Amino acid sequence: MSQFDITTADLVVIGFYFAIIFAKGFQIARRTHDANDLFLAGRRLGWLPIGLSLFASNISSTTLIGLAGAAYVWGIAVANYEWMAAPILVVFAIVLIPLRR
């Protein structure tokens, strides 16, 4: 097992990262007044950020690592699970979008 030391540069980068995350969190907290603002962005988002959010929540470490390992063990047929998710998401979008108030 190799030994490594955390240097001052590492701590500076980590501190800078946390400072940016906290600053962005406080900035968003000032603009958030209720749960509608927090969870639904005040219903002001367009289709692109909503679609990207759905895509990002669907793609996770389980997808990137787990499905690759499962495909290695059981074959490429495991990918059919993800391919079938796409038409179902489209059907849900077509059915649920007209129900919007």
Protein backbone atom coordinates (compact mmCIF):
# COMPACT_ATOMS: atom_id res chain seq x y z
CA MET A 1 0.00 0.00 0.00
CA SER A 2 1.44 3.35 -0.96
CA GLN A 3 1.71 6.24 1.46
CA PHE A 4 0.69 9.74 0.46
CA ASP A 5 0.65 13.02 2.29
CA ILE A 6 -1.87 15.79 1.96
CA THR A 7 0.07 18.89 1.03
CA THR A 8 -0.79 22.53 1.52
CA ALA A 9 -1.85 22.77 -2.12
CA ASP A 10 -4.34 19.93 -1.55
CA LEU A 11 -5.82 21.70 1.46
CA VAL A 12 -6.07 24.98 -0.48
CA VAL A 13 -7.95 23.27 -3.31
CA ILE A 14 -10.30 21.54 -0.85
CA GLY A 15 -10.88 24.80 1.03
CA PHE A 16 -11.52 26.69 -2.22
CA TYR A 17 -14.01 24.01 -3.32
CA PHE A 18 -15.91 24.20 -0.01
CA ALA A 19 -15.92 28.01 -0.11
CA ILE A 20 -17.48 27.98 -3.59
CA ILE A 21 -20.08 25.39 -2.57
CA PHE A 22 -21.03 27.33 0.58
CA ALA A 23 -21.22 30.64 -1.33
CA LYS A 24 -23.47 29.12 -3.98
CA GLY A 25 -25.63 27.52 -1.27
CA PHE A 26 -26.09 30.84 0.54
CA GLN A 27 -26.86 32.60 -2.74
CA ILE A 28 -29.59 30.07 -3.55
CA ALA A 29 -30.90 30.13 0.02
CA ARG A 30 -31.49 33.89 -0.23
CA ARG A 31 -33.65 33.41 -3.31
CA THR A 32 -35.60 30.43 -1.91
CA HIS A 33 -38.73 31.42 -0.01
CA ASP A 34 -40.75 28.20 0.17
CA ALA A 35 -40.76 24.55 -0.88
CA ASN A 36 -42.13 25.46 -4.32
CA ASP A 37 -39.04 27.56 -5.00
CA LEU A 38 -36.69 24.91 -3.65
CA PHE A 39 -38.05 21.78 -5.28
CA LEU A 40 -39.76 23.16 -8.40
CA ALA A 41 -37.64 26.28 -9.02
CA GLY A 42 -40.76 28.38 -8.71
CA ARG A 43 -42.09 26.64 -11.85
CA ARG A 44 -39.83 28.89 -13.96
CA LEU A 45 -37.55 26.29 -15.59
CA GLY A 46 -37.77 25.42 -19.25
CA TRP A 47 -37.73 21.99 -20.80
CA LEU A 48 -33.94 21.77 -21.24
CA PRO A 49 -32.86 22.02 -17.57
CA ILE A 50 -35.73 19.73 -16.56
CA GLY A 51 -34.73 17.15 -19.16
CA LEU A 52 -31.07 17.36 -18.19
CA SER A 53 -32.05 16.93 -14.54
CA LEU A 54 -34.05 13.80 -15.37
CA PHE A 55 -31.16 12.45 -17.40
CA ALA A 56 -28.63 13.18 -14.65
CA SER A 57 -30.79 11.55 -12.00
CA ASN A 58 -31.15 8.46 -14.20
CA ILE A 59 -27.41 8.19 -14.86
CA SER A 60 -25.69 7.33 -11.60
CA SER A 61 -22.80 5.30 -10.31
CA THR A 62 -25.05 2.27 -10.49
CA THR A 63 -25.43 2.83 -14.20
CA LEU A 64 -21.82 3.68 -14.94
CA ILE A 65 -20.18 0.98 -12.83
CA GLY A 66 -22.85 -1.55 -11.95
CA LEU A 67 -24.23 -2.13 -15.44
CA ALA A 68 -20.75 -2.41 -16.90
CA GLY A 69 -19.91 -5.10 -14.34
CA ALA A 70 -23.22 -6.88 -14.91
CA ALA A 71 -22.67 -6.82 -18.67
CA TYR A 72 -19.24 -8.34 -18.13
CA VAL A 73 -20.69 -11.15 -16.02
CA TRP A 74 -23.98 -11.88 -17.80
CA GLY A 75 -23.48 -10.37 -21.26
CA ILE A 76 -24.69 -7.35 -23.15
CA ALA A 77 -28.35 -8.32 -22.67
CA VAL A 78 -28.21 -6.42 -19.38
CA ALA A 79 -28.15 -3.20 -21.40
CA ASN A 80 -31.71 -3.93 -22.57
CA TYR A 81 -32.87 -2.81 -19.15
CA GLU A 82 -31.59 0.71 -19.85
CA TRP A 83 -32.78 0.72 -23.47
CA MET A 84 -36.31 -0.07 -22.31
CA ALA A 85 -36.24 2.85 -19.87
CA ALA A 86 -36.10 5.37 -22.74
CA PRO A 87 -39.48 4.50 -24.34
CA ILE A 88 -41.12 4.36 -20.92
CA LEU A 89 -39.81 7.84 -20.07
CA VAL A 90 -41.18 9.14 -23.39
CA VAL A 91 -44.58 7.57 -22.70
CA PHE A 92 -44.65 9.08 -19.23
CA ALA A 93 -43.73 12.48 -20.67
CA ILE A 94 -46.49 12.29 -23.28
CA VAL A 95 -49.07 11.17 -20.72
CA LEU A 96 -48.06 13.42 -17.82
CA ILE A 97 -47.31 16.69 -19.64
CA PRO A 98 -50.96 17.21 -20.70
CA LEU A 99 -51.98 16.74 -17.04
CA ARG A 100 -49.99 19.84 -16.06
CA ARG A 101 -52.12 22.53 -14.42
